[in-house]
Amino acid sequence: DQRFEGNRYTFQPLVESTDSVQRIGDQLRPQFDGGITLVSSDQLSELRTEVYADE
């Protein structure tokens, strides 16, 4: 485990628009691969699908 400022983990929100996801989807894949979804939504599912569409 890696500690950050004494805490085991830090919260890092990721907010992207649909347009930016289409533009930088390849850069977002690591966040989807390693991230934990705390709250799911239809919009998040659509963005995730868009990120992986160009693989």
Protein backbone atom coordinates (compact mmCIF):
# COMPACT_ATOMS: atom_id res chain seq x y z
CA ASP A 1 0.00 0.00 0.00
CA GLN A 2 1.16 3.52 -0.74
CA ARG A 3 0.43 6.28 1.75
CA PHE A 4 -0.35 9.87 0.81
CA GLU A 5 0.12 12.55 3.50
CA GLY A 6 -0.46 9.95 6.22
CA ASN A 7 -3.62 8.59 4.64
CA ARG A 8 -3.76 5.25 2.96
CA TYR A 9 -5.68 6.53 -0.05
CA THR A 10 -6.77 9.88 -1.39
CA PHE A 11 -10.01 10.75 -3.14
CA GLN A 12 -9.50 11.95 -6.71
CA PRO A 13 -12.71 12.87 -8.51
CA LEU A 14 -12.62 12.64 -12.29
CA VAL A 15 -15.04 14.81 -14.24
CA GLU A 16 -15.05 14.86 -18.03
CA SER A 17 -17.57 15.93 -20.63
CA THR A 18 -18.72 13.62 -23.40
CA ASP A 19 -16.73 15.70 -25.91
CA SER A 20 -13.52 15.46 -23.90
CA VAL A 21 -13.99 11.70 -23.45
CA GLN A 22 -14.13 11.30 -27.22
CA ARG A 23 -10.95 13.38 -27.54
CA ILE A 24 -8.84 11.85 -24.74
CA GLY A 25 -10.45 8.44 -24.20
CA ASP A 26 -7.15 6.58 -24.44
CA GLN A 27 -5.81 8.64 -21.52
CA LEU A 28 -8.87 7.80 -19.40
CA ARG A 29 -8.66 4.02 -19.75
CA PRO A 30 -6.19 3.65 -16.83
CA GLN A 31 -8.65 5.49 -14.55
CA PHE A 32 -11.48 3.18 -15.57
CA ASP A 33 -9.22 0.13 -15.29
CA GLY A 34 -7.90 0.97 -11.82
CA GLY A 35 -10.61 3.20 -10.40
CA ILE A 36 -13.44 2.28 -8.10
CA THR A 37 -16.91 3.48 -9.03
CA LEU A 38 -18.62 4.81 -5.91
CA VAL A 39 -21.83 5.91 -7.62
CA SER A 40 -22.87 4.51 -10.98
CA SER A 41 -25.18 6.16 -13.48
CA ASP A 42 -26.40 5.69 -17.02
CA GLN A 43 -24.24 8.65 -18.08
CA LEU A 44 -21.12 7.09 -16.55
CA SER A 45 -21.87 3.81 -18.33
CA GLU A 46 -22.20 5.70 -21.63
CA LEU A 47 -18.87 7.48 -21.05
CA ARG A 48 -17.15 4.22 -20.14
CA THR A 49 -18.49 2.66 -23.36
CA GLU A 50 -17.22 5.66 -25.35
CA VAL A 51 -13.75 5.42 -23.77
CA TYR A 52 -13.39 1.76 -24.77
CA ALA A 53 -15.05 2.13 -28.20
CA ASP A 54 -11.79 3.09 -29.94
CA GLU A 55 -9.68 0.19 -28.63
